[in-house]
Amino acid sequence: MRFSQLYVPTLKETPAEAEVVSHKLLLRAGMIRKLTAGLYTYLPCALRVLKKIEAIVRSEMDRAGFQEVLLPVVQPGDLWKETGRWEHYGKELLRFKDRNDRDYCLGPTHEEVMTDLVRGEVRSYRQLPLRLYQLHTKFRDEIRPRFGLMRGREFIMKDGYSYDASVADAEKSYQLMHDAYHRIFMRLGLRFRAVEADTGSIGGNFSHEFMVLADAGEDTIAFCHNCQFAANVERAEVVEQEVLEGVVCPAAQAVPTPNAHTVEEIANLLQVPTTKVVKTMILTADGKNVAVLVRGDHEVNLIKVQRLLGAESVDLASPDVVEAATKAPVGFAGPCGLDLPIYADFALKGQNDYVTGGNAKDTHLMHVDLNRDAKITAYGDLRNITTQDPCPRCGGQISLAKGIEVGHIFMLGQKYSTAMHATFLNEEGVEKDMIMGCYGIGISRILAAAIEQNHDEHGIVFPPQIAPFNCILLNLDVVNPEVTAKVEEIYKLLCDMGVEVLLDDRDERAGVKFKDADLLGIPIQLVLGKKSLAKGIIEASDRQSKVKVELPIADFVKSYTDYQSQIWVNWSTQSSSL
């Protein structure tokens, strides 16, 4: 491909709309253009990257024994009503009616459609396991699309589904995907971690997220330095460590705390550590109000609260609800005298002499003993894990890191098969519900995540496995016929070798060419000008290290082949499951 013919409208300045690195660089490198909020057009270079990602994903899915299909993106609402998700999925599901006034939606995922296909064809245990997947466009009407391809409304996804006759067979399918995902992300040249995760709106028994480690990640993961434990903070359990205090707590005492609303302000005013301040959160769970207590230096985990209560949804109560329940402005809620079910985190158990809100304006209570002064409904694990907590598996040291979710696998069990009557006859002729698994990979999000993890001040640094081109050949003297003739000769050699090469044949200054080459992130840069031609060499440099070497023109095929192989080896040793 010649640069002069390639549609790659690079930009010198970063558009104001871009927030994160990947969004900025994808726009500047002429790889995507915004149509409207959360919708992007993929230009040729981005599409080349996406096709390479798809090829790796497709090869590993096929290797794992999954078969590719292609399902409609428009889905009948009746299928979603069968599973109950038509009402519960939320506004992210874009619903509409056809000319016959029938309900439809744009598919954000395809559990219902795939299960409808399978239930119409599978009758016997002899037809199981059945493992299918597709590469498809999805649409989720995000309330606040942001960060470019990281959280758009329309995106490209690989979703796979397994149907098995038994839990043991379903676990085999799940493990097949777990192993395949490890191979996929290793081949993509990424640093990643598989973590235990919450099943969310998809549902099911358990799941794992595959997270690319990057500072721009929206998720926080906790992982152990001593064992293989890793989990999204929404899922990471905190081991109960009850510490009993033998000191008798004085009677609770109301104290004025004007203009003190935050934990830090209260702790400073009353001269107590933040560990002795109790945060009282008023939440609404399935329409009913509850109070949740956590220590001042901890953060409440709504997913854990939802799990403890067995609720469909849990949200922060509105200010009006808080004031009605506490008879005080927001910021002064406390458990004493509160006429609500009260759930307290394990970290508060067995200790006393706390500071809590006083349920009155500008008032807090000191010397609170929760067991004496409040009516605790139950204690539980209701907060995010911290680096001060031991690993729940081995007791080792916990660290936290930011991650970008690029893959998610679910053990669904019988949630969808039971609701949709997807059954088979077992060996005894008894009708049984199929056991399901669901496996997703964000293809377009991988493009953004790879850039978030691999960039520098000059632009993108693509892993060779997914770069739009293997190398870029820069002609630094296009008006010199000898240089141009030799460049064309090298270009033909590279094409004949099967190398995906971009020839920068533009009549531009050398600085412009180098800047665009760096911006596009192509792994190998080859440079030929009048001086290097006179020396009989081509200058080669690795986009990642910027180290330059000289390749002899006389033995170019061998020297380039060896050089490219070494670049790939260097990258393959860097990709890892941390």
Protein backbone atom coordinates (compact mmCIF):
# COMPACT_ATOMS: atom_id res chain seq x y z
CA MET A 1 0.00 0.00 0.00
CA ARG A 2 1.24 3.47 -0.91
CA PHE A 3 0.78 6.29 1.57
CA SER A 4 -0.22 8.61 -1.26
CA GLN A 5 -3.20 6.34 -1.98
CA LEU A 6 -4.12 5.41 1.61
CA TYR A 7 -7.07 7.17 3.24
CA VAL A 8 -5.41 8.14 6.50
CA PRO A 9 -6.34 11.74 7.43
CA THR A 10 -3.89 12.33 10.29
CA LEU A 11 -4.28 15.35 12.55
CA LYS A 12 -1.60 17.54 14.12
CA GLU A 13 -3.84 18.66 16.99
CA THR A 14 -5.93 16.56 19.34
CA PRO A 15 -9.70 17.15 18.99
CA ALA A 16 -11.26 18.66 22.12
CA GLU A 17 -13.75 15.79 22.42
CA ALA A 18 -11.04 13.22 23.17
CA GLU A 19 -10.44 12.37 26.83
CA VAL A 20 -8.24 9.28 27.08
CA VAL A 21 -5.04 8.42 25.20
CA SER A 22 -6.57 5.82 22.89
CA HIS A 23 -9.34 8.19 21.82
CA LYS A 24 -6.87 10.98 21.14
CA LEU A 25 -4.47 8.83 19.14
CA LEU A 26 -7.14 7.00 17.14
CA LEU A 27 -8.51 10.36 16.01
CA ARG A 28 -5.09 11.89 15.34
CA ALA A 29 -3.88 8.81 13.45
CA GLY A 30 -6.86 8.98 11.11
CA MET A 31 -8.23 5.63 12.25
CA ILE A 32 -11.70 6.59 13.46
CA ARG A 33 -14.14 9.43 13.01
CA LYS A 34 -17.14 10.26 15.19
CA LEU A 35 -20.59 10.08 13.60
CA THR A 36 -22.51 11.00 16.75
CA ALA A 37 -22.26 10.27 20.48
CA GLY A 38 -20.90 6.76 20.95
CA LEU A 39 -20.92 5.91 17.22
CA TYR A 40 -17.69 5.77 15.21
CA THR A 41 -16.65 5.08 11.64
CA TYR A 42 -13.59 2.84 11.25
CA LEU A 43 -11.16 4.07 8.60
CA PRO A 44 -8.82 1.72 6.66
CA CYS A 45 -5.97 1.47 9.19
CA ALA A 46 -8.30 0.78 12.10
CA LEU A 47 -10.20 -1.78 10.08
CA ARG A 48 -6.95 -3.59 9.25
CA VAL A 49 -6.20 -3.82 12.99
CA LEU A 50 -9.72 -5.05 13.77
CA LYS A 51 -9.48 -7.75 11.08
CA LYS A 52 -6.22 -9.02 12.61
CA ILE A 53 -7.78 -9.12 16.07
CA GLU A 54 -10.76 -10.99 14.63
CA ALA A 55 -8.49 -13.48 12.87
CA ILE A 56 -6.70 -14.36 16.12
CA VAL A 57 -9.99 -14.67 18.01
CA ARG A 58 -11.56 -16.75 15.24
CA SER A 59 -8.62 -19.16 15.03
CA GLU A 60 -8.65 -19.85 18.78
CA MET A 61 -12.43 -20.25 18.89
CA ASP A 62 -12.23 -22.75 16.05
CA ARG A 63 -9.35 -24.53 17.79
CA ALA A 64 -11.51 -24.85 20.93
CA GLY A 65 -14.22 -26.60 18.92
CA PHE A 66 -16.69 -23.74 18.59
CA GLN A 67 -18.53 -23.23 15.28
CA GLU A 68 -19.17 -19.81 13.78
CA VAL A 69 -22.66 -18.55 12.97
CA LEU A 70 -24.14 -15.12 12.29
CA LEU A 71 -27.34 -13.98 14.01
CA PRO A 72 -29.56 -10.97 13.25
CA VAL A 73 -28.78 -7.75 15.08
CA VAL A 74 -32.51 -6.91 15.30
CA GLN A 75 -34.20 -9.11 17.89
CA PRO A 76 -37.92 -9.68 18.63
CA GLY A 77 -39.00 -8.38 22.01
CA ASP A 78 -40.99 -11.58 22.66
CA LEU A 79 -37.74 -13.52 23.24
CA TRP A 80 -36.58 -10.98 25.82
CA LYS A 81 -39.95 -11.11 27.52
CA GLU A 82 -39.59 -14.88 27.90
CA THR A 83 -36.47 -14.41 30.03
CA GLY A 84 -37.76 -11.35 31.86
CA ARG A 85 -34.97 -9.12 30.58
CA TRP A 86 -37.27 -6.90 28.52
CA GLU A 87 -38.34 -5.20 31.74
CA HIS A 88 -35.12 -5.54 33.75
CA TYR A 89 -32.31 -4.81 31.27
CA GLY A 90 -32.77 -1.05 31.51
CA LYS A 91 -32.63 1.84 29.07
CA GLU A 92 -29.42 0.50 27.52
CA LEU A 93 -31.71 -1.82 25.53
CA LEU A 94 -32.82 0.19 22.50
CA ARG A 95 -36.45 -0.82 21.99
CA PHE A 96 -38.63 0.02 19.00
CA LYS A 97 -41.70 -1.20 17.11
CA ASP A 98 -42.00 -2.36 13.53
CA ARG A 99 -44.79 -1.38 11.12
CA ASN A 100 -47.00 -4.09 12.65
CA ASP A 101 -46.59 -2.58 16.13
CA ARG A 102 -44.49 -5.53 17.34
CA ASP A 103 -41.71 -4.98 19.87
CA TYR A 104 -38.10 -5.28 18.74
CA CYS A 105 -34.67 -4.26 20.03
CA LEU A 106 -31.14 -3.82 18.76
CA GLY A 107 -29.10 -6.66 20.20
CA PRO A 108 -26.73 -5.74 23.04
CA THR A 109 -26.05 -9.47 23.43
CA HIS A 110 -27.54 -12.65 21.95
CA GLU A 111 -28.38 -15.15 24.72
CA GLU A 112 -32.07 -15.20 23.81
CA VAL A 113 -31.61 -15.41 20.06
CA MET A 114 -28.97 -18.16 20.24
CA THR A 115 -31.06 -20.16 22.72
CA ASP A 116 -34.11 -19.80 20.49
CA LEU A 117 -32.07 -21.23 17.62
CA VAL A 118 -30.80 -24.17 19.67
CA ARG A 119 -34.13 -25.09 21.28
CA GLY A 120 -35.65 -25.45 17.83
CA GLU A 121 -33.01 -27.93 16.67
CA VAL A 122 -31.62 -29.91 19.63
CA ARG A 123 -33.72 -32.81 20.93
CA SER A 124 -31.30 -35.40 22.31
CA TYR A 125 -28.26 -35.59 24.56
CA ARG A 126 -26.46 -37.04 21.52
CA GLN A 127 -26.51 -33.56 19.95
CA LEU A 128 -24.67 -32.07 22.94
CA PRO A 129 -22.33 -30.41 23.64
CA LEU A 130 -23.14 -27.70 21.12
CA ARG A 131 -20.72 -24.75 21.01
CA LEU A 132 -21.41 -21.75 18.76
CA TYR A 133 -20.03 -18.23 18.35
CA GLN A 134 -20.27 -15.16 16.17
CA LEU A 135 -18.43 -11.92 15.42
CA HIS A 136 -21.05 -9.22 15.29
CA THR A 137 -22.00 -5.60 15.88
CA LYS A 138 -23.80 -4.87 19.16
CA PHE A 139 -25.66 -1.82 20.37
CA ARG A 140 -26.13 -0.62 23.94
CA ASP A 141 -27.71 2.78 24.47
CA GLU A 142 -25.23 3.95 27.08
CA ILE A 143 -26.47 6.88 29.14
CA ARG A 144 -23.06 8.54 28.85
CA PRO A 145 -20.90 7.16 26.05
CA ARG A 146 -17.31 8.25 26.56
CA PHE A 147 -13.64 7.51 26.00
CA GLY A 148 -14.04 6.77 22.30
CA LEU A 149 -14.08 3.03 21.61
CA MET A 150 -13.72 2.21 25.32
CA ARG A 151 -17.40 2.85 26.02
CA GLY A 152 -19.32 3.45 22.83
CA ARG A 153 -22.91 2.63 22.03
CA GLU A 154 -22.16 0.53 18.95
CA PHE A 155 -19.25 -1.89 19.07
CA ILE A 156 -17.88 -5.11 17.59
CA MET A 157 -18.01 -8.17 19.80
CA LYS A 158 -17.31 -11.88 19.70
CA ASP A 159 -19.96 -13.72 21.66
CA GLY A 160 -19.98 -17.49 22.10
CA TYR A 161 -22.42 -19.88 23.76
CA SER A 162 -22.15 -23.46 24.94
CA TYR A 163 -25.00 -25.91 25.59
CA ASP A 164 -24.26 -29.03 27.62
CA ALA A 165 -26.13 -31.98 29.09
CA SER A 166 -24.56 -31.81 32.57
CA VAL A 167 -22.81 -29.43 34.93
CA ALA A 168 -19.58 -31.42 34.52
CA ASP A 169 -19.72 -31.04 30.73
CA ALA A 170 -20.59 -27.33 31.07
CA GLU A 171 -17.52 -26.85 33.25
CA LYS A 172 -15.41 -28.46 30.51
CA SER A 173 -16.81 -25.96 27.99
CA TYR A 174 -16.09 -23.13 30.42
CA GLN A 175 -12.50 -24.30 30.88
CA LEU A 176 -12.06 -24.59 27.11
CA MET A 177 -12.95 -20.92 26.81
CA HIS A 178 -10.85 -19.92 29.80
CA ASP A 179 -7.81 -21.52 28.16
CA ALA A 180 -8.67 -20.15 24.71
CA TYR A 181 -8.95 -16.61 26.09
CA HIS A 182 -5.49 -16.91 27.64
CA ARG A 183 -4.09 -17.93 24.24
CA ILE A 184 -5.97 -15.11 22.48
CA PHE A 185 -4.64 -12.34 24.69
CA MET A 186 -1.13 -13.77 24.68
CA ARG A 187 -1.19 -13.80 20.87
CA LEU A 188 -2.51 -10.23 20.84
CA GLY A 189 0.65 -9.14 22.65
CA LEU A 190 -1.16 -7.75 25.71
CA ARG A 191 -0.45 -7.80 29.44
CA PHE A 192 -3.62 -9.04 31.08
CA ARG A 193 -5.13 -10.81 34.06
CA ALA A 194 -8.13 -13.14 34.40
CA VAL A 195 -10.15 -12.12 37.46
CA GLU A 196 -13.23 -13.37 39.28
CA ALA A 197 -16.16 -11.09 38.48
CA ASP A 198 -19.79 -10.37 39.17
CA THR A 199 -22.26 -11.78 36.64
CA GLY A 200 -24.28 -8.54 36.39
CA SER A 201 -27.30 -8.35 34.06
CA ILE A 202 -26.20 -11.47 32.13
CA GLY A 203 -26.72 -13.58 35.25
CA GLY A 204 -25.39 -17.04 36.00
CA ASN A 205 -23.43 -18.87 38.67
CA PHE A 206 -19.92 -17.40 38.30
CA SER A 207 -17.75 -15.57 35.79
CA HIS A 208 -14.26 -14.34 34.96
CA GLU A 209 -13.25 -11.05 33.38
CA PHE A 210 -10.11 -10.72 31.28
CA MET A 211 -8.57 -7.35 32.06
CA VAL A 212 -5.87 -5.50 30.14
CA LEU A 213 -3.85 -3.63 32.75
CA ALA A 214 -3.78 0.09 31.97
CA ASP A 215 -4.08 3.34 33.91
CA ALA A 216 -7.13 4.38 31.89
CA GLY A 217 -9.11 1.34 33.02
CA GLU A 218 -12.55 1.98 34.49
CA ASP A 219 -12.36 -1.14 36.67
CA THR A 220 -10.16 -1.83 39.68
CA ILE A 221 -8.85 -5.35 40.22
CA ALA A 222 -7.39 -6.87 43.35
CA PHE A 223 -4.70 -9.52 43.03
CA CYS A 224 -2.45 -11.46 45.36
CA HIS A 225 1.34 -11.52 45.20
CA ASN A 226 1.55 -14.99 46.73
CA CYS A 227 -1.13 -16.97 44.86
CA GLN A 228 -3.26 -16.84 41.71
CA PHE A 229 -6.16 -14.99 43.32
CA ALA A 230 -7.45 -12.06 41.28
CA ALA A 231 -10.89 -10.48 41.28
CA ASN A 232 -12.74 -7.35 40.31
CA VAL A 233 -13.24 -5.26 43.46
CA GLU A 234 -16.98 -5.72 42.98
CA ARG A 235 -16.41 -9.44 43.53
CA ALA A 236 -13.32 -9.67 45.78
CA GLU A 237 -14.45 -10.96 49.13
CA VAL A 238 -13.05 -9.59 52.37
CA VAL A 239 -12.25 -12.15 55.05
CA GLU A 240 -13.94 -11.44 58.36
CA GLN A 241 -11.34 -10.60 61.00
CA GLU A 242 -13.19 -9.98 64.20
CA VAL A 243 -11.27 -7.94 66.75
CA LEU A 244 -12.92 -7.76 70.18
CA GLU A 245 -12.41 -4.64 72.27
CA GLY A 246 -12.39 -5.15 76.01
CA VAL A 247 -12.87 -1.45 76.80
CA VAL A 248 -16.32 -0.43 78.01
CA CYS A 249 -17.69 2.33 75.79
CA PRO A 250 -19.05 5.48 77.54
CA ALA A 251 -22.61 6.50 76.89
CA ALA A 252 -23.32 7.96 73.47
CA GLN A 253 -23.01 11.74 73.40
CA ALA A 254 -24.34 14.23 70.84
CA VAL A 255 -21.79 16.83 69.73
CA PRO A 256 -22.17 19.80 67.37
CA THR A 257 -20.42 19.38 64.01
CA PRO A 258 -21.35 22.45 61.95
CA ASN A 259 -20.11 22.42 58.34
CA ALA A 260 -18.54 18.96 58.80
CA HIS A 261 -19.92 16.56 56.24
CA THR A 262 -17.07 14.35 55.00
CA VAL A 263 -15.37 11.64 57.03
CA GLU A 264 -12.12 13.58 57.01
CA GLU A 265 -13.79 16.79 58.21
CA ILE A 266 -15.54 14.97 61.05
CA ALA A 267 -12.40 13.08 62.08
CA ASN A 268 -10.36 16.30 62.17
CA LEU A 269 -13.01 18.20 64.10
CA LEU A 270 -13.51 15.50 66.75
CA GLN A 271 -9.85 14.40 66.84
CA VAL A 272 -10.51 10.73 66.05
CA PRO A 273 -9.04 8.45 63.36
CA THR A 274 -11.17 7.84 60.26
CA THR A 275 -11.34 4.16 61.28
CA LYS A 276 -13.54 5.25 64.19
CA VAL A 277 -16.02 7.13 62.00
CA VAL A 278 -19.00 5.15 60.68
CA LYS A 279 -20.52 6.06 57.32
CA THR A 280 -24.28 5.46 57.16
CA MET A 281 -25.56 5.04 53.62
CA ILE A 282 -29.30 5.09 52.92
CA LEU A 283 -29.98 2.82 49.94
CA THR A 284 -33.05 1.77 47.99
CA ALA A 285 -33.21 -1.98 47.31
CA ASP A 286 -36.06 -3.07 45.04
CA GLY A 287 -38.05 -0.04 46.15
CA LYS A 288 -37.46 -0.51 49.89
CA ASN A 289 -35.09 1.64 51.95
CA VAL A 290 -32.27 0.16 54.01
CA ALA A 291 -29.21 1.53 55.83
CA VAL A 292 -25.70 0.20 55.26
CA LEU A 293 -22.81 0.96 57.63
CA VAL A 294 -19.13 0.89 56.70
CA ARG A 295 -16.01 2.19 58.39
CA GLY A 296 -14.94 5.71 57.49
CA ASP A 297 -11.87 4.61 55.54
CA HIS A 298 -13.82 1.99 53.55
CA GLU A 299 -16.10 2.20 50.50
CA VAL A 300 -19.50 0.52 50.37
CA ASN A 301 -19.86 -2.08 47.60
CA LEU A 302 -23.36 -1.94 46.10
CA ILE A 303 -22.91 -5.26 44.32
CA LYS A 304 -22.16 -7.01 47.62
CA VAL A 305 -25.14 -5.29 49.26
CA GLN A 306 -27.34 -6.45 46.41
CA ARG A 307 -26.03 -10.00 46.78
CA LEU A 308 -26.58 -10.02 50.57
CA LEU A 309 -30.14 -8.75 50.21
CA GLY A 310 -30.95 -10.93 47.22
CA ALA A 311 -32.20 -7.79 45.48
CA GLU A 312 -32.65 -7.16 41.76
CA SER A 313 -31.28 -3.62 42.10
CA VAL A 314 -29.69 -1.43 44.75
CA ASP A 315 -29.16 2.32 44.36
CA LEU A 316 -28.26 5.31 46.49
CA ALA A 317 -31.42 6.85 47.90
CA SER A 318 -32.38 10.32 46.71
CA PRO A 319 -31.74 13.29 49.06
CA ASP A 320 -35.49 13.57 49.72
CA VAL A 321 -35.63 9.91 50.80
CA VAL A 322 -32.57 10.34 53.03
CA GLU A 323 -34.02 13.40 54.76
CA ALA A 324 -37.38 11.67 55.27
CA ALA A 325 -35.72 8.60 56.81
CA THR A 326 -33.24 10.45 59.06
CA LYS A 327 -35.11 13.71 59.78
CA ALA A 328 -31.84 15.45 58.94
CA PRO A 329 -30.02 16.90 55.93
CA VAL A 330 -27.79 14.65 53.85
CA GLY A 331 -24.47 14.09 55.61
CA PHE A 332 -25.77 13.54 59.12
CA ALA A 333 -27.38 10.07 58.86
CA GLY A 334 -26.62 7.63 61.65
CA PRO A 335 -27.85 4.20 62.82
CA CYS A 336 -29.06 5.19 66.32
CA GLY A 337 -32.84 5.44 66.42
CA LEU A 338 -33.11 4.78 62.69
CA ASP A 339 -36.33 2.97 61.78
CA LEU A 340 -34.87 0.99 58.86
CA PRO A 341 -33.23 -2.42 58.42
CA ILE A 342 -29.54 -1.79 59.18
CA TYR A 343 -26.75 -3.87 57.65
CA ALA A 344 -23.18 -3.36 58.91
CA ASP A 345 -19.88 -4.41 57.41
CA PHE A 346 -17.83 -7.09 59.16
CA ALA A 347 -15.07 -4.53 59.91
CA LEU A 348 -17.42 -2.81 62.39
CA LYS A 349 -18.16 -5.99 64.30
CA GLY A 350 -16.67 -6.56 67.75
CA GLN A 351 -15.50 -2.98 68.25
CA ASN A 352 -17.10 0.11 69.74
CA ASP A 353 -16.61 3.79 70.61
CA TYR A 354 -17.53 4.98 67.11
CA VAL A 355 -18.57 8.37 65.76
CA THR A 356 -21.80 8.30 63.74
CA GLY A 357 -24.23 10.75 62.28
CA GLY A 358 -26.72 12.12 64.81
CA ASN A 359 -29.81 12.21 62.56
CA ALA A 360 -30.01 15.94 63.23
CA LYS A 361 -28.59 18.96 61.46
CA ASP A 362 -24.95 19.74 62.33
CA THR A 363 -24.89 16.89 64.86
CA HIS A 364 -22.89 13.68 65.31
CA LEU A 365 -22.77 11.11 68.10
CA MET A 366 -19.58 10.08 69.88
CA HIS A 367 -18.98 6.89 71.93
CA VAL A 368 -21.41 4.78 69.92
CA ASP A 369 -21.52 1.05 70.59
CA LEU A 370 -23.40 -0.39 67.60
CA ASN A 371 -24.60 -3.45 69.48
CA ARG A 372 -25.83 -1.31 72.38
CA ASP A 373 -27.09 1.83 70.66
CA ALA A 374 -28.37 0.59 67.30
CA LYS A 375 -30.43 -2.32 66.00
CA ILE A 376 -28.16 -4.12 63.52
CA THR A 377 -30.16 -6.46 61.29
CA ALA A 378 -27.09 -8.37 60.10
CA TYR A 379 -23.35 -8.10 59.53
CA GLY A 380 -21.78 -9.01 56.20
CA ASP A 381 -19.07 -8.34 53.64
CA LEU A 382 -20.34 -5.03 52.27
CA ARG A 383 -17.25 -3.10 51.18
CA ASN A 384 -14.45 -2.97 48.65
CA ILE A 385 -11.27 -4.85 49.46
CA THR A 386 -8.18 -2.72 50.25
CA THR A 387 -4.43 -3.27 50.24
CA GLN A 388 -4.60 -3.58 54.03
CA ASP A 389 -6.82 -6.67 53.75
CA PRO A 390 -5.26 -10.15 53.47
CA CYS A 391 -5.80 -12.30 50.40
CA PRO A 392 -9.04 -14.28 50.91
CA ARG A 393 -7.35 -17.39 49.54
CA CYS A 394 -3.91 -17.53 51.14
CA GLY A 395 -3.64 -14.52 53.47
CA GLY A 396 -0.95 -12.93 51.26
CA GLN A 397 -0.46 -9.32 50.24
CA ILE A 398 -3.15 -7.70 48.09
CA SER A 399 -2.43 -5.08 45.43
CA LEU A 400 -4.86 -3.01 43.37
CA ALA A 401 -4.51 -2.11 39.69
CA LYS A 402 -6.63 -0.48 37.01
CA GLY A 403 -7.87 -2.67 34.22
CA ILE A 404 -9.87 -2.51 30.99
CA GLU A 405 -12.34 -5.34 30.58
CA VAL A 406 -11.82 -6.90 27.14
CA GLY A 407 -13.32 -10.33 27.74
CA HIS A 408 -15.90 -11.91 30.03
CA ILE A 409 -16.91 -15.55 30.40
CA PHE A 410 -20.01 -16.70 32.31
CA MET A 411 -21.21 -20.01 33.68
CA LEU A 412 -24.89 -19.31 33.07
CA GLY A 413 -26.31 -22.58 34.29
CA GLN A 414 -30.01 -22.96 33.43
CA LYS A 415 -31.18 -19.34 33.71
CA TYR A 416 -32.03 -19.00 30.01
CA SER A 417 -32.71 -22.62 29.12
CA THR A 418 -35.34 -22.95 31.86
CA ALA A 419 -37.03 -19.64 31.00
CA MET A 420 -37.06 -20.47 27.28
CA HIS A 421 -37.71 -24.21 27.65
CA ALA A 422 -34.49 -25.22 25.88
CA THR A 423 -34.56 -28.91 26.76
CA PHE A 424 -33.22 -32.28 25.61
CA LEU A 425 -33.96 -35.92 26.36
CA ASN A 426 -31.26 -37.64 28.41
CA GLU A 427 -30.19 -41.28 28.15
CA GLU A 428 -33.23 -42.36 30.17
CA GLY A 429 -35.58 -40.36 27.95
CA VAL A 430 -36.18 -37.76 30.66
CA GLU A 431 -36.53 -34.12 29.60
CA LYS A 432 -33.81 -31.89 31.07
CA ASP A 433 -32.86 -28.22 30.74
CA MET A 434 -29.58 -27.54 28.95
CA ILE A 435 -26.65 -26.10 30.92
CA MET A 436 -25.35 -22.90 29.32
CA GLY A 437 -22.17 -20.88 29.19
CA CYS A 438 -21.64 -17.46 27.59
CA TYR A 439 -18.32 -16.01 26.40
CA GLY A 440 -17.70 -12.46 25.13
CA ILE A 441 -14.72 -10.53 23.77
CA GLY A 442 -14.84 -6.83 22.89
CA ILE A 443 -13.08 -6.69 19.51
CA SER A 444 -13.24 -2.92 19.07
CA ARG A 445 -12.43 -2.35 22.75
CA ILE A 446 -9.25 -4.42 22.31
CA LEU A 447 -8.12 -1.88 19.71
CA ALA A 448 -8.47 0.91 22.28
CA ALA A 449 -7.03 -1.16 25.15
CA ALA A 450 -3.95 -2.10 23.13
CA ILE A 451 -3.25 1.60 22.56
CA GLU A 452 -3.85 2.49 26.21
CA GLN A 453 -1.23 -0.08 27.13
CA ASN A 454 1.19 0.66 24.27
CA HIS A 455 1.91 4.27 23.40
CA ASP A 456 4.47 6.99 23.99
CA GLU A 457 4.67 10.76 23.54
CA HIS A 458 5.00 10.31 19.76
CA GLY A 459 1.96 8.12 19.16
CA ILE A 460 0.75 4.54 19.05
CA VAL A 461 3.09 1.57 19.55
CA PHE A 462 1.14 -1.38 18.14
CA PRO A 463 2.11 -4.97 19.00
CA PRO A 464 3.28 -6.47 15.67
CA GLN A 465 0.53 -9.09 15.77
CA ILE A 466 -2.21 -6.50 15.26
CA ALA A 467 -0.44 -3.52 13.65
CA PRO A 468 -2.10 -2.24 10.45
CA PHE A 469 1.16 -2.90 8.57
CA ASN A 470 4.27 -4.92 9.43
CA CYS A 471 6.59 -2.09 8.40
CA ILE A 472 6.64 1.36 6.85
CA LEU A 473 9.18 2.20 4.15
CA LEU A 474 10.13 5.87 4.03
CA ASN A 475 11.52 7.39 0.85
CA LEU A 476 13.39 10.48 2.09
CA ASP A 477 14.31 11.74 -1.41
CA VAL A 478 11.41 11.18 -3.79
CA VAL A 479 12.86 13.59 -6.39
CA ASN A 480 16.06 11.54 -6.66
CA PRO A 481 15.50 8.90 -9.36
CA GLU A 482 18.18 6.55 -8.00
CA VAL A 483 16.74 6.59 -4.48
CA THR A 484 13.18 6.20 -5.76
CA ALA A 485 14.18 3.30 -8.04
CA LYS A 486 15.85 1.48 -5.14
CA VAL A 487 12.90 2.16 -2.82
CA GLU A 488 10.53 0.70 -5.43
CA GLU A 489 12.81 -2.34 -5.73
CA ILE A 490 12.79 -2.85 -1.94
CA TYR A 491 9.03 -2.31 -1.85
CA LYS A 492 8.50 -5.05 -4.44
CA LEU A 493 10.83 -7.39 -2.52
CA LEU A 494 8.85 -6.87 0.68
CA CYS A 495 5.54 -7.46 -1.09
CA ASP A 496 6.88 -10.65 -2.69
CA MET A 497 8.01 -11.80 0.78
CA GLY A 498 4.46 -11.43 2.04
CA VAL A 499 5.30 -8.47 4.25
CA GLU A 500 2.49 -5.97 4.75
CA VAL A 501 4.38 -2.79 3.91
CA LEU A 502 3.26 0.82 3.73
CA LEU A 503 5.39 2.84 1.31
CA ASP A 504 5.56 6.53 2.19
CA ASP A 505 5.99 7.88 -1.32
CA ARG A 506 4.69 11.35 -0.54
CA ASP A 507 6.61 14.47 -1.52
CA GLU A 508 6.82 15.66 2.08
CA ARG A 509 9.58 16.74 4.43
CA ALA A 510 11.38 13.97 6.32
CA GLY A 511 10.07 15.30 9.63
CA VAL A 512 6.46 14.94 8.51
CA LYS A 513 7.07 11.36 7.42
CA PHE A 514 8.77 10.39 10.67
CA LYS A 515 5.98 11.98 12.73
CA ASP A 516 3.26 10.13 10.82
CA ALA A 517 5.18 6.85 11.03
CA ASP A 518 5.47 7.21 14.81
CA LEU A 519 1.83 8.28 15.14
CA LEU A 520 0.53 5.22 13.26
CA GLY A 521 2.51 2.87 15.51
CA ILE A 522 3.80 0.56 12.77
CA PRO A 523 6.38 -1.78 14.42
CA ILE A 524 9.26 -1.43 11.94
CA GLN A 525 10.44 1.70 10.16
CA LEU A 526 12.70 1.36 7.12
CA VAL A 527 14.40 4.53 5.86
CA LEU A 528 16.23 5.06 2.58
CA GLY A 529 17.74 8.33 1.40
CA LYS A 530 20.68 9.52 -0.67
CA LYS A 531 23.25 9.00 2.11
CA SER A 532 22.10 5.52 3.12
CA LEU A 533 21.91 4.45 -0.53
CA ALA A 534 25.51 5.55 -1.02
CA LYS A 535 26.49 3.35 1.95
CA GLY A 536 24.52 0.41 0.57
CA ILE A 537 22.29 0.12 3.63
CA ILE A 538 18.73 0.73 4.78
CA GLU A 539 18.20 2.19 8.23
CA ALA A 540 15.77 0.13 10.30
CA SER A 541 14.31 0.98 13.67
CA ASP A 542 11.98 -0.70 16.13
CA ARG A 543 9.01 1.58 16.89
CA GLN A 544 8.96 0.44 20.51
CA SER A 545 12.64 0.85 21.45
CA LYS A 546 13.61 3.41 18.75
CA VAL A 547 16.92 1.55 18.42
CA LYS A 548 18.34 1.91 14.91
CA VAL A 549 20.23 -0.74 12.96
CA GLU A 550 21.63 -0.91 9.43
CA LEU A 551 20.42 -3.61 7.07
CA PRO A 552 22.59 -4.31 3.97
CA ILE A 553 20.72 -3.79 0.73
CA ALA A 554 22.73 -6.54 -0.96
CA ASP A 555 21.39 -9.16 1.47
CA PHE A 556 18.11 -7.44 2.27
CA VAL A 557 15.75 -10.43 2.20
CA LYS A 558 17.66 -12.38 4.84
CA SER A 559 18.60 -9.39 6.99
CA TYR A 560 15.03 -8.07 7.05
CA THR A 561 13.56 -11.51 7.78
CA ASP A 562 15.91 -11.98 10.74
CA TYR A 563 15.21 -8.46 12.00
CA GLN A 564 11.43 -8.79 11.83
CA SER A 565 11.57 -12.18 13.57
CA GLN A 566 13.55 -10.68 16.43
CA ILE A 567 11.05 -7.83 16.84
CA TRP A 568 8.21 -10.36 17.10
CA VAL A 569 10.12 -12.46 19.62
CA ASN A 570 10.75 -9.40 21.77
CA TRP A 571 7.05 -8.60 21.82
CA SER A 572 5.95 -12.17 22.51
CA THR A 573 8.11 -12.27 25.64
CA GLN A 574 6.44 -9.09 26.94
CA SER A 575 2.82 -10.25 26.64
CA SER A 576 1.80 -12.10 29.77
CA SER A 577 -0.96 -13.17 32.10
CA LEU A 578 0.09 -11.35 35.25
